[in-house]
PDB file of N, CA and C in Angstrom:
ATOM      1  N   MET A   1      12.630 -24.375 -25.929  1.00  0.00           N
ATOM      2  CA  MET A   1      11.099 -24.676 -25.839  1.00  0.00           C
ATOM      3  C   MET A   1      10.273 -23.875 -25.130  1.00  0.00           C
ATOM      4  N   PRO A   2       9.058 -23.323 -25.689  1.00  0.00           N
ATOM      5  CA  PRO A   2       8.530 -22.143 -24.968  1.00  0.00           C
ATOM      6  C   PRO A   2       8.098 -22.535 -23.622  1.00  0.00           C
ATOM      7  N   ARG A   3       7.787 -21.671 -22.999  1.00  0.00           N
ATOM      8  CA  ARG A   3       7.489 -21.579 -21.506  1.00  0.00           C
ATOM      9  C   ARG A   3       6.261 -20.998 -21.457  1.00  0.00           C
ATOM     10  N   TYR A   4       5.105 -21.781 -20.444  1.00  0.00           N
ATOM     11  CA  TYR A   4       3.612 -21.245 -20.266  1.00  0.00           C
ATOM     12  C   TYR A   4       3.585 -20.743 -19.221  1.00  0.00           C
ATOM     13  N   LEU A   5       2.590 -19.665 -18.725  1.00  0.00           N
ATOM     14  CA  LEU A   5       2.178 -19.221 -17.435  1.00  0.00           C
ATOM     15  C   LEU A   5       0.581 -19.673 -17.149  1.00  0.00           C
ATOM     16  N   SER A   6       0.710 -20.615 -16.391  1.00  0.00           N
ATOM     17  CA  SER A   6      -1.063 -21.075 -16.024  1.00  0.00           C
ATOM     18  C   SER A   6      -1.513 -20.598 -14.733  1.00  0.00           C
ATOM     19  N   MET A   7      -2.607 -19.459 -15.037  1.00  0.00           N
ATOM     20  CA  MET A   7      -3.110 -18.898 -13.525  1.00  0.00           C
ATOM     21  C   MET A   7      -4.708 -19.384 -13.453  1.00  0.00           C
ATOM     22  N   ILE A   8      -4.347 -20.184 -12.188  1.00  0.00           N
ATOM     23  CA  ILE A   8      -5.635 -21.006 -12.094  1.00  0.00           C
ATOM     24  C   ILE A   8      -6.578 -19.694 -10.936  1.00  0.00           C
ATOM     25  N   ARG A   9      -7.480 -19.757 -11.754  1.00  0.00           N
ATOM     26  CA  ARG A   9      -8.695 -18.804 -10.985  1.00  0.00           C
ATOM     27  C   ARG A   9      -9.641 -19.569 -10.450  1.00  0.00           C
ATOM     28  N   VAL A  10     -10.144 -19.051  -9.034  1.00  0.00           N
ATOM     29  CA  VAL A  10     -10.849 -19.509  -8.356  1.00  0.00           C
ATOM     30  C   VAL A  10     -12.177 -18.904  -7.539  1.00  0.00           C
ATOM     31  N   ASP A  11     -13.338 -19.167  -7.207  1.00  0.00           N
ATOM     32  CA  ASP A  11     -14.209 -18.599  -6.321  1.00  0.00           C
ATOM     33  C   ASP A  11     -13.492 -18.608  -4.981  1.00  0.00           C
ATOM     34  N   GLU A  12     -12.948 -17.587  -4.727  1.00  0.00           N
ATOM     35  CA  GLU A  12     -12.143 -17.378  -3.369  1.00  0.00           C
ATOM     36  C   GLU A  12     -13.283 -17.828  -2.230  1.00  0.00           C
ATOM     37  N   SER A  13     -14.434 -17.485  -2.427  1.00  0.00           N
ATOM     38  CA  SER A  13     -15.442 -17.997  -1.166  1.00  0.00           C
ATOM     39  C   SER A  13     -16.107 -19.238  -0.938  1.00  0.00           C
ATOM     40  N   ALA A  14     -15.697 -19.769  -2.254  1.00  0.00           N
ATOM     41  CA  ALA A  14     -15.949 -21.279  -2.336  1.00  0.00           C
ATOM     42  C   ALA A  14     -15.048 -22.261  -2.057  1.00  0.00           C
ATOM     43  N   ALA A  15     -13.464 -21.543  -2.445  1.00  0.00           N
ATOM     44  CA  ALA A  15     -12.709 -22.580  -2.235  1.00  0.00           C
ATOM     45  C   ALA A  15     -11.797 -22.059  -0.526  1.00  0.00           C
ATOM     46  N   ALA A  16     -12.535 -21.447   0.310  1.00  0.00           N
ATOM     47  CA  ALA A  16     -12.022 -20.769   1.410  1.00  0.00           C
ATOM     48  C   ALA A  16     -11.768 -21.934   2.440  1.00  0.00           C
ATOM     49  N   GLU A  17     -12.490 -23.376   2.227  1.00  0.00           N
ATOM     50  CA  GLU A  17     -12.265 -24.554   3.259  1.00  0.00           C
ATOM     51  C   GLU A  17     -11.016 -25.329   2.787  1.00  0.00           C
ATOM     52  N   GLY A  18      -9.976 -24.726   1.574  1.00  0.00           N
ATOM     53  CA  GLY A  18      -9.017 -25.310   0.812  1.00  0.00           C
ATOM     54  C   GLY A  18      -9.050 -26.844   0.452  1.00  0.00           C
ATOM     55  N   PRO A  19      -8.116 -27.210   0.141  1.00  0.00           N
ATOM     56  CA  PRO A  19      -8.172 -28.683  -0.719  1.00  0.00           C
ATOM     57  C   PRO A  19      -8.188 -29.686   0.543  1.00  0.00           C
ATOM     58  N   SER A  20      -8.595 -30.697  -0.262  1.00  0.00           N
ATOM     59  CA  SER A  20      -8.643 -31.799   0.918  1.00  0.00           C
ATOM     60  C   SER A  20      -7.091 -32.525   0.833  1.00  0.00           C
ATOM     61  N   ASP A  21      -6.892 -33.303   1.889  1.00  0.00           N
ATOM     62  CA  ASP A  21      -5.773 -34.098   2.150  1.00  0.00           C
ATOM     63  C   ASP A  21      -5.477 -34.785   0.874  1.00  0.00           C
ATOM     64  N   GLU A  22      -6.536 -35.344   0.412  1.00  0.00           N
ATOM     65  CA  GLU A  22      -6.515 -36.427  -0.576  1.00  0.00           C
ATOM     66  C   GLU A  22      -6.043 -35.711  -1.925  1.00  0.00           C
ATOM     67  N   LEU A  23      -6.760 -34.442  -2.246  1.00  0.00           N
ATOM     68  CA  LEU A  23      -6.415 -33.391  -3.048  1.00  0.00           C
ATOM     69  C   LEU A  23      -5.003 -33.044  -3.401  1.00  0.00           C
ATOM     70  N   MET A  24      -4.683 -32.898  -2.016  1.00  0.00           N
ATOM     71  CA  MET A  24      -3.113 -32.362  -1.935  1.00  0.00           C
ATOM     72  C   MET A  24      -2.360 -33.581  -2.147  1.00  0.00           C
ATOM     73  N   GLN A  25      -2.742 -35.082  -2.097  1.00  0.00           N
ATOM     74  CA  GLN A  25      -1.545 -35.852  -2.184  1.00  0.00           C
ATOM     75  C   GLN A  25      -1.694 -36.074  -4.339  1.00  0.00           C
ATOM     76  N   ARG A  26      -2.974 -36.127  -4.686  1.00  0.00           N
ATOM     77  CA  ARG A  26      -3.209 -36.224  -5.852  1.00  0.00           C
ATOM     78  C   ARG A  26      -2.135 -34.623  -6.568  1.00  0.00           C
ATOM     79  N   MET A  27      -2.180 -33.787  -6.069  1.00  0.00           N
ATOM     80  CA  MET A  27      -1.713 -32.670  -6.526  1.00  0.00           C
ATOM     81  C   MET A  27      -0.202 -32.930  -6.595  1.00  0.00           C
ATOM     82  N   GLY A  28       0.361 -33.689  -5.366  1.00  0.00           N
ATOM     83  CA  GLY A  28       1.853 -33.801  -4.911  1.00  0.00           C
ATOM     84  C   GLY A  28       2.130 -35.008  -6.048  1.00  0.00           C
ATOM     85  N   GLU A  29       1.546 -35.423  -6.596  1.00  0.00           N
ATOM     86  CA  GLU A  29       1.934 -36.777  -7.401  1.00  0.00           C
ATOM     87  C   GLU A  29       2.291 -36.148  -8.871  1.00  0.00           C
ATOM     88  N   LEU A  30       1.020 -35.180  -9.270  1.00  0.00           N
ATOM     89  CA  LEU A  30       1.200 -34.983 -10.582  1.00  0.00           C
ATOM     90  C   LEU A  30       2.213 -34.187 -10.745  1.00  0.00           C
ATOM     91  N   ILE A  31       2.485 -33.290  -9.518  1.00  0.00           N
ATOM     92  CA  ILE A  31       3.820 -31.964  -9.661  1.00  0.00           C
ATOM     93  C   ILE A  31       5.270 -33.322  -9.799  1.00  0.00           C
ATOM     94  N   GLU A  32       5.193 -34.186  -9.242  1.00  0.00           N
ATOM     95  CA  GLU A  32       6.323 -34.990  -9.258  1.00  0.00           C
ATOM     96  C   GLU A  32       6.290 -35.661 -10.495  1.00  0.00           C
ATOM     97  N   GLU A  33       5.152 -36.030 -11.063  1.00  0.00           N
ATOM     98  CA  GLU A  33       5.444 -36.333 -12.451  1.00  0.00           C
ATOM     99  C   GLU A  33       5.938 -35.615 -13.537  1.00  0.00           C
ATOM    100  N   MET A  34       5.322 -34.313 -13.369  1.00  0.00           N
ATOM    101  CA  MET A  34       5.455 -33.141 -14.231  1.00  0.00           C
ATOM    102  C   MET A  34       7.093 -32.739 -13.965  1.00  0.00           C
ATOM    103  N   THR A  35       7.390 -32.488 -12.884  1.00  0.00           N
ATOM    104  CA  THR A  35       8.832 -32.301 -12.632  1.00  0.00           C
ATOM    105  C   THR A  35       9.923 -33.172 -13.194  1.00  0.00           C
ATOM    106  N   LYS A  36       9.502 -34.689 -13.044  1.00  0.00           N
ATOM    107  CA  LYS A  36      10.244 -35.790 -13.594  1.00  0.00           C
ATOM    108  C   LYS A  36      10.723 -35.825 -15.209  1.00  0.00           C
ATOM    109  N   ALA A  37       9.122 -35.001 -15.753  1.00  0.00           N
ATOM    110  CA  ALA A  37       9.273 -35.062 -17.390  1.00  0.00           C
ATOM    111  C   ALA A  37       9.546 -33.671 -17.630  1.00  0.00           C
ATOM    112  N   GLY A  38      10.444 -32.874 -16.703  1.00  0.00           N
ATOM    113  CA  GLY A  38      11.199 -31.845 -17.185  1.00  0.00           C
ATOM    114  C   GLY A  38      10.067 -30.655 -17.925  1.00  0.00           C
ATOM    115  N   VAL A  39       8.606 -30.772 -17.451  1.00  0.00           N
ATOM    116  CA  VAL A  39       7.690 -29.854 -17.622  1.00  0.00           C
ATOM    117  C   VAL A  39       7.594 -28.769 -16.741  1.00  0.00           C
ATOM    118  N   LEU A  40       7.541 -29.281 -15.478  1.00  0.00           N
ATOM    119  CA  LEU A  40       7.246 -27.874 -14.412  1.00  0.00           C
ATOM    120  C   LEU A  40       8.361 -27.351 -14.123  1.00  0.00           C
ATOM    121  N   LEU A  41       8.254 -26.172 -14.270  1.00  0.00           N
ATOM    122  CA  LEU A  41       9.462 -25.225 -13.781  1.00  0.00           C
ATOM    123  C   LEU A  41       9.506 -24.403 -12.528  1.00  0.00           C
ATOM    124  N   ASP A  42       7.745 -24.301 -11.723  1.00  0.00           N
ATOM    125  CA  ASP A  42       7.542 -23.726 -10.877  1.00  0.00           C
ATOM    126  C   ASP A  42       6.286 -23.643 -10.541  1.00  0.00           C
ATOM    127  N   THR A  43       5.657 -23.778  -9.224  1.00  0.00           N
ATOM    128  CA  THR A  43       4.267 -23.727  -9.308  1.00  0.00           C
ATOM    129  C   THR A  43       3.871 -23.091  -7.568  1.00  0.00           C
ATOM    130  N   ALA A  44       3.004 -22.482  -7.460  1.00  0.00           N
ATOM    131  CA  ALA A  44       2.505 -22.400  -5.974  1.00  0.00           C
ATOM    132  C   ALA A  44       0.738 -21.746  -5.990  1.00  0.00           C
ATOM    133  N   GLY A  45       0.643 -21.800  -4.837  1.00  0.00           N
ATOM    134  CA  GLY A  45      -0.831 -21.407  -4.559  1.00  0.00           C
ATOM    135  C   GLY A  45      -0.573 -19.931  -4.013  1.00  0.00           C
ATOM    136  N   LEU A  46      -1.671 -19.318  -4.133  1.00  0.00           N
ATOM    137  CA  LEU A  46      -1.366 -17.932  -3.654  1.00  0.00           C
ATOM    138  C   LEU A  46      -2.197 -17.546  -1.922  1.00  0.00           C
ATOM    139  N   THR A  47      -1.950 -16.660  -1.552  1.00  0.00           N
ATOM    140  CA  THR A  47      -2.724 -16.306  -0.306  1.00  0.00           C
ATOM    141  C   THR A  47      -4.189 -15.760  -0.756  1.00  0.00           C
ATOM    142  N   PRO A  48      -4.631 -15.572   0.236  1.00  0.00           N
ATOM    143  CA  PRO A  48      -6.244 -14.906  -0.097  1.00  0.00           C
ATOM    144  C   PRO A  48      -6.029 -13.469  -0.208  1.00  0.00           C
ATOM    145  N   THR A  49      -7.040 -13.015  -1.244  1.00  0.00           N
ATOM    146  CA  THR A  49      -7.209 -11.175  -1.524  1.00  0.00           C
ATOM    147  C   THR A  49      -6.937 -10.443  -0.296  1.00  0.00           C
ATOM    148  N   ALA A  50      -7.545 -11.027   1.065  1.00  0.00           N
ATOM    149  CA  ALA A  50      -7.342 -10.347   2.036  1.00  0.00           C
ATOM    150  C   ALA A  50      -5.774  -9.708   2.701  1.00  0.00           C
ATOM    151  N   GLN A  51      -5.201 -10.906   2.156  1.00  0.00           N
ATOM    152  CA  GLN A  51      -3.502 -10.460   2.399  1.00  0.00           C
ATOM    153  C   GLN A  51      -2.707  -9.608   1.347  1.00  0.00           C
ATOM    154  N   GLY A  52      -3.400  -9.097   0.154  1.00  0.00           N
ATOM    155  CA  GLY A  52      -2.875  -8.545  -0.988  1.00  0.00           C
ATOM    156  C   GLY A  52      -3.249  -7.048  -1.003  1.00  0.00           C
ATOM    157  N   SER A  53      -2.741  -6.577  -2.384  1.00  0.00           N
ATOM    158  CA  SER A  53      -2.921  -5.275  -2.268  1.00  0.00           C
ATOM    159  C   SER A  53      -2.744  -5.077  -4.009  1.00  0.00           C
ATOM    160  N   ARG A  54      -3.502  -3.966  -4.277  1.00  0.00           N
ATOM    161  CA  ARG A  54      -3.701  -3.703  -5.996  1.00  0.00           C
ATOM    162  C   ARG A  54      -2.843  -2.198  -5.756  1.00  0.00           C
ATOM    163  N   VAL A  55      -2.087  -2.662  -7.123  1.00  0.00           N
ATOM    164  CA  VAL A  55      -1.708  -0.786  -7.537  1.00  0.00           C
ATOM    165  C   VAL A  55      -2.024  -0.609  -8.732  1.00  0.00           C
ATOM    166  N   HIS A  56      -2.466   0.416  -8.674  1.00  0.00           N
ATOM    167  CA  HIS A  56      -2.953   1.081 -10.219  1.00  0.00           C
ATOM    168  C   HIS A  56      -2.565   1.890 -10.705  1.00  0.00           C
ATOM    169  N   TYR A  57      -2.218   2.388 -11.714  1.00  0.00           N
ATOM    170  CA  TYR A  57      -1.679   3.601 -12.337  1.00  0.00           C
ATOM    171  C   TYR A  57      -2.561   4.065 -13.422  1.00  0.00           C
ATOM    172  N   GLU A  58      -2.933   5.195 -13.459  1.00  0.00           N
ATOM    173  CA  GLU A  58      -4.065   5.907 -14.366  1.00  0.00           C
ATOM    174  C   GLU A  58      -3.829   7.295 -14.365  1.00  0.00           C
ATOM    175  N   GLY A  59      -3.554   7.881 -15.613  1.00  0.00           N
ATOM    176  CA  GLY A  59      -3.293   9.327 -15.888  1.00  0.00           C
ATOM    177  C   GLY A  59      -2.079   9.826 -15.091  1.00  0.00           C
ATOM    178  N   GLY A  60      -1.106   8.990 -14.871  1.00  0.00           N
ATOM    179  CA  GLY A  60       0.043   9.477 -14.080  1.00  0.00           C
ATOM    180  C   GLY A  60       0.177   9.386 -12.775  1.00  0.00           C
ATOM    181  N   GLN A  61      -1.079   9.083 -12.008  1.00  0.00           N
ATOM    182  CA  GLN A  61      -1.304   8.705 -10.537  1.00  0.00           C
ATOM    183  C   GLN A  61      -1.442   7.275 -10.063  1.00  0.00           C
ATOM    184  N   LEU A  62      -0.570   6.917  -9.196  1.00  0.00           N
ATOM    185  CA  LEU A  62      -0.692   5.487  -8.483  1.00  0.00           C
ATOM    186  C   LEU A  62      -1.855   5.515  -7.543  1.00  0.00           C
ATOM    187  N   SER A  63      -2.203   4.489  -7.340  1.00  0.00           N
ATOM    188  CA  SER A  63      -3.192   4.243  -5.880  1.00  0.00           C
ATOM    189  C   SER A  63      -2.863   2.800  -5.640  1.00  0.00           C
ATOM    190  N   VAL A  64      -3.077   2.652  -4.331  1.00  0.00           N
ATOM    191  CA  VAL A  64      -2.882   1.602  -3.971  1.00  0.00           C
ATOM    192  C   VAL A  64      -4.270   0.778  -3.060  1.00  0.00           C
ATOM    193  N   THR A  65      -4.676  -0.116  -3.018  1.00  0.00           N
ATOM    194  CA  THR A  65      -5.886  -0.913  -2.539  1.00  0.00           C
ATOM    195  C   THR A  65      -5.397  -1.778  -1.899  1.00  0.00           C
ATOM    196  N   ASP A  66      -5.863  -1.846  -0.631  1.00  0.00           N
ATOM    197  CA  ASP A  66      -5.545  -3.368   0.122  1.00  0.00           C
ATOM    198  C   ASP A  66      -6.948  -4.399  -0.098  1.00  0.00           C
ATOM    199  N   GLY A  67      -6.431  -5.501   0.217  1.00  0.00           N
ATOM    200  CA  GLY A  67      -7.443  -6.346   0.147  1.00  0.00           C
ATOM    201  C   GLY A  67      -8.168  -6.622   1.322  1.00  0.00           C
ATOM    202  N   PRO A  68      -9.430  -7.297   1.493  1.00  0.00           N
ATOM    203  CA  PRO A  68     -10.067  -8.283   0.335  1.00  0.00           C
ATOM    204  C   PRO A  68     -10.397  -7.244  -0.818  1.00  0.00           C
ATOM    205  N   PHE A  69     -10.528  -7.884  -2.027  1.00  0.00           N
ATOM    206  CA  PHE A  69     -11.283  -7.402  -3.130  1.00  0.00           C
ATOM    207  C   PHE A  69     -12.663  -7.601  -3.293  1.00  0.00           C
ATOM    208  N   THR A  70     -13.363  -6.952  -3.015  1.00  0.00           N
ATOM    209  CA  THR A  70     -14.870  -7.689  -2.984  1.00  0.00           C
ATOM    210  C   THR A  70     -15.395  -7.756  -4.120  1.00  0.00           C
ATOM    211  N   GLU A  71     -14.977  -6.557  -5.117  1.00  0.00           N
ATOM    212  CA  GLU A  71     -15.957  -6.736  -6.312  1.00  0.00           C
ATOM    213  C   GLU A  71     -15.208  -7.890  -7.255  1.00  0.00           C
ATOM    214  N   ALA A  72     -14.329  -8.644  -6.665  1.00  0.00           N
ATOM    215  CA  ALA A  72     -13.900  -9.765  -7.496  1.00  0.00           C
ATOM    216  C   ALA A  72     -14.327 -11.174  -6.888  1.00  0.00           C
ATOM    217  N   LYS A  73     -15.035 -11.702  -7.853  1.00  0.00           N
ATOM    218  CA  LYS A  73     -15.660 -13.346  -7.519  1.00  0.00           C
ATOM    219  C   LYS A  73     -14.711 -13.885  -7.921  1.00  0.00           C
ATOM    220  N   GLU A  74     -14.098 -14.224  -8.883  1.00  0.00           N
ATOM    221  CA  GLU A  74     -12.874 -14.912  -9.139  1.00  0.00           C
ATOM    222  C   GLU A  74     -11.886 -14.491  -9.004  1.00  0.00           C
ATOM    223  N   VAL A  75     -10.800 -15.041  -8.574  1.00  0.00           N
ATOM    224  CA  VAL A  75      -9.421 -14.532  -8.107  1.00  0.00           C
ATOM    225  C   VAL A  75      -8.228 -15.500  -8.628  1.00  0.00           C
ATOM    226  N   VAL A  76      -7.170 -14.910  -9.092  1.00  0.00           N
ATOM    227  CA  VAL A  76      -6.127 -15.995  -9.220  1.00  0.00           C
ATOM    228  C   VAL A  76      -5.508 -16.735  -8.131  1.00  0.00           C
ATOM    229  N   GLY A  77      -5.463 -17.801  -8.002  1.00  0.00           N
ATOM    230  CA  GLY A  77      -5.446 -18.888  -6.452  1.00  0.00           C
ATOM    231  C   GLY A  77      -4.088 -19.352  -6.612  1.00  0.00           C
ATOM    232  N   GLY A  78      -3.767 -19.331  -7.859  1.00  0.00           N
ATOM    233  CA  GLY A  78      -2.343 -20.209  -7.876  1.00  0.00           C
ATOM    234  C   GLY A  78      -1.704 -20.001  -9.053  1.00  0.00           C
ATOM    235  N   TYR A  79      -0.426 -20.497  -9.621  1.00  0.00           N
ATOM    236  CA  TYR A  79      -0.061 -20.530 -10.783  1.00  0.00           C
ATOM    237  C   TYR A  79       0.766 -21.674 -11.257  1.00  0.00           C
ATOM    238  N   ALA A  80       1.080 -21.679 -12.358  1.00  0.00           N
ATOM    239  CA  ALA A  80       2.564 -22.815 -12.696  1.00  0.00           C
ATOM    240  C   ALA A  80       2.800 -21.970 -13.772  1.00  0.00           C
ATOM    241  N   ILE A  81       4.435 -22.542 -14.164  1.00  0.00           N
ATOM    242  CA  ILE A  81       4.643 -22.153 -15.115  1.00  0.00           C
ATOM    243  C   ILE A  81       5.840 -23.490 -15.783  1.00  0.00           C
ATOM    244  N   SER A  82       5.327 -23.654 -16.702  1.00  0.00           N
ATOM    245  CA  SER A  82       5.936 -25.040 -17.682  1.00  0.00           C
ATOM    246  C   SER A  82       6.622 -24.777 -18.727  1.00  0.00           C
ATOM    247  N   GLN A  83       7.433 -25.689 -18.889  1.00  0.00           N
ATOM    248  CA  GLN A  83       8.106 -25.415 -20.381  1.00  0.00           C
ATOM    249  C   GLN A  83       7.497 -26.756 -21.371  1.00  0.00           C
ATOM    250  N   CYS A  84       6.874 -26.487 -22.388  1.00  0.00           N
ATOM    251  CA  CYS A  84       6.444 -27.589 -23.307  1.00  0.00           C
ATOM    252  C   CYS A  84       6.762 -27.157 -24.743  1.00  0.00           C
ATOM    253  N   LYS A  85       6.246 -28.178 -25.461  1.00  0.00           N
ATOM    254  CA  LYS A  85       6.747 -28.400 -26.832  1.00  0.00           C
ATOM    255  C   LYS A  85       5.830 -27.142 -27.710  1.00  0.00           C
ATOM    256  N   ASP A  86       4.701 -27.148 -27.067  1.00  0.00           N
ATOM    257  CA  ASP A  86       3.697 -26.149 -27.648  1.00  0.00           C
ATOM    258  C   ASP A  86       2.502 -25.895 -27.115  1.00  0.00           C
ATOM    259  N   MET A  87       1.361 -25.293 -27.310  1.00  0.00           N
ATOM    260  CA  MET A  87       0.539 -24.791 -26.464  1.00  0.00           C
ATOM    261  C   MET A  87      -0.298 -26.145 -26.181  1.00  0.00           C
ATOM    262  N   ALA A  88      -0.507 -26.798 -27.161  1.00  0.00           N
ATOM    263  CA  ALA A  88      -1.488 -28.167 -26.898  1.00  0.00           C
ATOM    264  C   ALA A  88      -0.939 -28.966 -25.689  1.00  0.00           C
ATOM    265  N   GLU A  89       0.401 -29.276 -25.615  1.00  0.00           N
ATOM    266  CA  GLU A  89       0.883 -29.883 -24.624  1.00  0.00           C
ATOM    267  C   GLU A  89       0.480 -29.178 -23.514  1.00  0.00           C
ATOM    268  N   ALA A  90       0.811 -27.916 -23.325  1.00  0.00           N
ATOM    269  CA  ALA A  90       0.529 -26.997 -22.040  1.00  0.00           C
ATOM    270  C   ALA A  90      -0.897 -27.365 -21.652  1.00  0.00           C
ATOM    271  N   VAL A  91      -1.931 -27.155 -22.478  1.00  0.00           N
ATOM    272  CA  VAL A  91      -3.339 -27.263 -21.909  1.00  0.00           C
ATOM    273  C   VAL A  91      -3.535 -28.516 -21.835  1.00  0.00           C
ATOM    274  N   GLU A  92      -2.902 -29.833 -22.252  1.00  0.00           N
ATOM    275  CA  GLU A  92      -3.126 -30.983 -21.772  1.00  0.00           C
ATOM    276  C   GLU A  92      -2.787 -31.226 -20.341  1.00  0.00           C
ATOM    277  N   TRP A  93      -1.590 -30.769 -19.986  1.00  0.00           N
ATOM    278  CA  TRP A  93      -1.130 -30.952 -18.669  1.00  0.00           C
ATOM    279  C   TRP A  93      -2.215 -29.945 -17.608  1.00  0.00           C
ATOM    280  N   THR A  94      -2.588 -28.869 -18.210  1.00  0.00           N
ATOM    281  CA  THR A  94      -3.492 -27.902 -17.352  1.00  0.00           C
ATOM    282  C   THR A  94      -4.931 -28.852 -17.049  1.00  0.00           C
ATOM    283  N   LYS A  95      -5.392 -29.582 -17.997  1.00  0.00           N
ATOM    284  CA  LYS A  95      -6.419 -30.350 -17.938  1.00  0.00           C
ATOM    285  C   LYS A  95      -6.582 -31.511 -17.048  1.00  0.00           C
ATOM    286  N   ARG A  96      -5.105 -31.966 -17.002  1.00  0.00           N
ATOM    287  CA  ARG A  96      -4.679 -33.223 -16.076  1.00  0.00           C
ATOM    288  C   ARG A  96      -4.838 -32.432 -14.593  1.00  0.00           C
ATOM    289  N   PHE A  97      -4.268 -31.202 -14.516  1.00  0.00           N
ATOM    290  CA  PHE A  97      -4.352 -30.720 -13.562  1.00  0.00           C
ATOM    291  C   PHE A  97      -5.805 -30.034 -12.918  1.00  0.00           C
ATOM    292  N   LEU A  98      -6.501 -29.903 -13.558  1.00  0.00           N
ATOM    293  CA  LEU A  98      -8.139 -29.512 -13.190  1.00  0.00           C
ATOM    294  C   LEU A  98      -8.722 -30.915 -13.125  1.00  0.00           C
ATOM    295  N   LYS A  99      -8.274 -32.056 -13.539  1.00  0.00           N
ATOM    296  CA  LYS A  99      -9.303 -32.920 -12.925  1.00  0.00           C
ATOM    297  C   LYS A  99      -9.100 -33.914 -12.163  1.00  0.00           C
ATOM    298  N   ILE A 100      -7.914 -33.223 -11.619  1.00  0.00           N
ATOM    299  CA  ILE A 100      -7.557 -34.054  -9.794  1.00  0.00           C
ATOM    300  C   ILE A 100      -8.383 -33.535  -8.989  1.00  0.00           C
ATOM    301  N   HIS A 101      -9.182 -32.293  -9.051  1.00  0.00           N
ATOM    302  CA  HIS A 101      -9.958 -31.573  -8.226  1.00  0.00           C
ATOM    303  C   HIS A 101     -11.212 -32.308  -8.231  1.00  0.00           C
ATOM    304  N   GLU A 102     -11.731 -32.370  -6.669  1.00  0.00           N
ATOM    305  CA  GLU A 102     -13.094 -32.933  -6.646  1.00  0.00           C
ATOM    306  C   GLU A 102     -14.108 -32.254  -7.541  1.00  0.00           C
ATOM    307  N   GLU A 103     -15.280 -32.665  -7.582  1.00  0.00           N
ATOM    308  CA  GLU A 103     -16.493 -32.067  -8.531  1.00  0.00           C
ATOM    309  C   GLU A 103     -17.054 -30.841  -7.869  1.00  0.00           C
ATOM    310  N   HIS A 104     -17.048 -30.662  -6.435  1.00  0.00           N
ATOM    311  CA  HIS A 104     -17.494 -29.156  -5.874  1.00  0.00           C
ATOM    312  C   HIS A 104     -16.778 -28.359  -6.036  1.00  0.00           C
ATOM    313  N   TRP A 105     -15.346 -28.318  -7.021  1.00  0.00           N
ATOM    314  CA  TRP A 105     -14.351 -27.466  -7.082  1.00  0.00           C
ATOM    315  C   TRP A 105     -14.629 -26.365  -8.693  1.00  0.00           C
ATOM    316  N   THR A 106     -15.001 -25.432  -8.647  1.00  0.00           N
ATOM    317  CA  THR A 106     -14.988 -24.501  -9.845  1.00  0.00           C
ATOM    318  C   THR A 106     -13.991 -23.852  -9.999  1.00  0.00           C
ATOM    319  N   LEU A 107     -12.970 -24.031 -11.162  1.00  0.00           N
ATOM    320  CA  LEU A 107     -12.039 -23.664 -11.578  1.00  0.00           C
ATOM    321  C   LEU A 107     -11.968 -23.046 -13.080  1.00  0.00           C
ATOM    322  N   THR A 108     -10.913 -22.442 -13.214  1.00  0.00           N
ATOM    323  CA  THR A 108     -10.771 -21.753 -14.813  1.00  0.00           C
ATOM    324  C   THR A 108      -9.196 -21.548 -14.426  1.00  0.00           C
ATOM    325  N   CYS A 109      -8.690 -22.056 -15.889  1.00  0.00           N
ATOM    326  CA  CYS A 109      -7.110 -21.768 -15.847  1.00  0.00           C
ATOM    327  C   CYS A 109      -7.091 -21.273 -17.124  1.00  0.00           C
ATOM    328  N   GLU A 110      -6.141 -20.199 -17.092  1.00  0.00           N
ATOM    329  CA  GLU A 110      -5.792 -19.639 -18.232  1.00  0.00           C
ATOM    330  C   GLU A 110      -4.417 -19.720 -18.268  1.00  0.00           C
ATOM    331  N   VAL A 111      -4.121 -20.287 -19.785  1.00  0.00           N
ATOM    332  CA  VAL A 111      -2.723 -20.547 -20.224  1.00  0.00           C
ATOM    333  C   VAL A 111      -2.416 -19.487 -21.225  1.00  0.00           C
ATOM    334  N   ARG A 112      -1.052 -18.734 -21.072  1.00  0.00           N
ATOM    335  CA  ARG A 112      -0.567 -18.159 -21.852  1.00  0.00           C
ATOM    336  C   ARG A 112       1.262 -18.443 -22.136  1.00  0.00           C
ATOM    337  N   GLU A 113       1.525 -18.197 -23.391  1.00  0.00           N
ATOM    338  CA  GLU A 113       2.808 -18.296 -23.526  1.00  0.00           C
ATOM    339  C   GLU A 113       3.575 -17.018 -23.051  1.00  0.00           C
ATOM    340  N   ILE A 114       4.613 -17.423 -22.499  1.00  0.00           N
ATOM    341  CA  ILE A 114       5.724 -16.351 -22.238  1.00  0.00           C
ATOM    342  C   ILE A 114       6.371 -15.870 -23.144  1.00  0.00           C
ATOM    343  N   VAL A 115       6.584 -14.588 -23.456  1.00  0.00           N
ATOM    344  CA  VAL A 115       7.250 -13.980 -24.408  1.00  0.00           C
ATOM    345  C   VAL A 115       8.608 -13.919 -23.960  1.00  0.00           C
ATOM    346  N   GLU A 116       9.471 -14.267 -24.987  1.00  0.00           N
ATOM    347  CA  GLU A 116      11.017 -14.701 -24.648  1.00  0.00           C
ATOM    348  C   GLU A 116      11.577 -13.290 -25.025  1.00  0.00           C
ATOM    349  N   GLY A 117      12.814 -12.904 -24.617  1.00  0.00           N
ATOM    350  CA  GLY A 117      13.668 -12.369 -24.977  1.00  0.00           C
ATOM    351  C   GLY A 117      13.349 -10.689 -24.738  1.00  0.00           C
TER     352      GLY A 117
END
């Protein structure tokens, strides 16, 4: 069965307060359901960009930029790796994940199949 990477993009400044206790509970319940269904392989949130670095390669030269990345409004705030029968199933699980958030959240999730082999 194919594996999929879901990258959850958030407006880092809008999400600075973090998830509510209620959201964390709903998230835990969905993660448990996905794990029991054998779909969820791994998931995690990511630290703020202020704690990250970007490594860029161009023209044979490497450069490193420490965060925060002020030019980026929307950043990857978390990820999930799932194993689903097809893209449609991966997208359905992603929709369920996004819908457990409160209405004040603005999220985009990019779902891509992981190349095997």
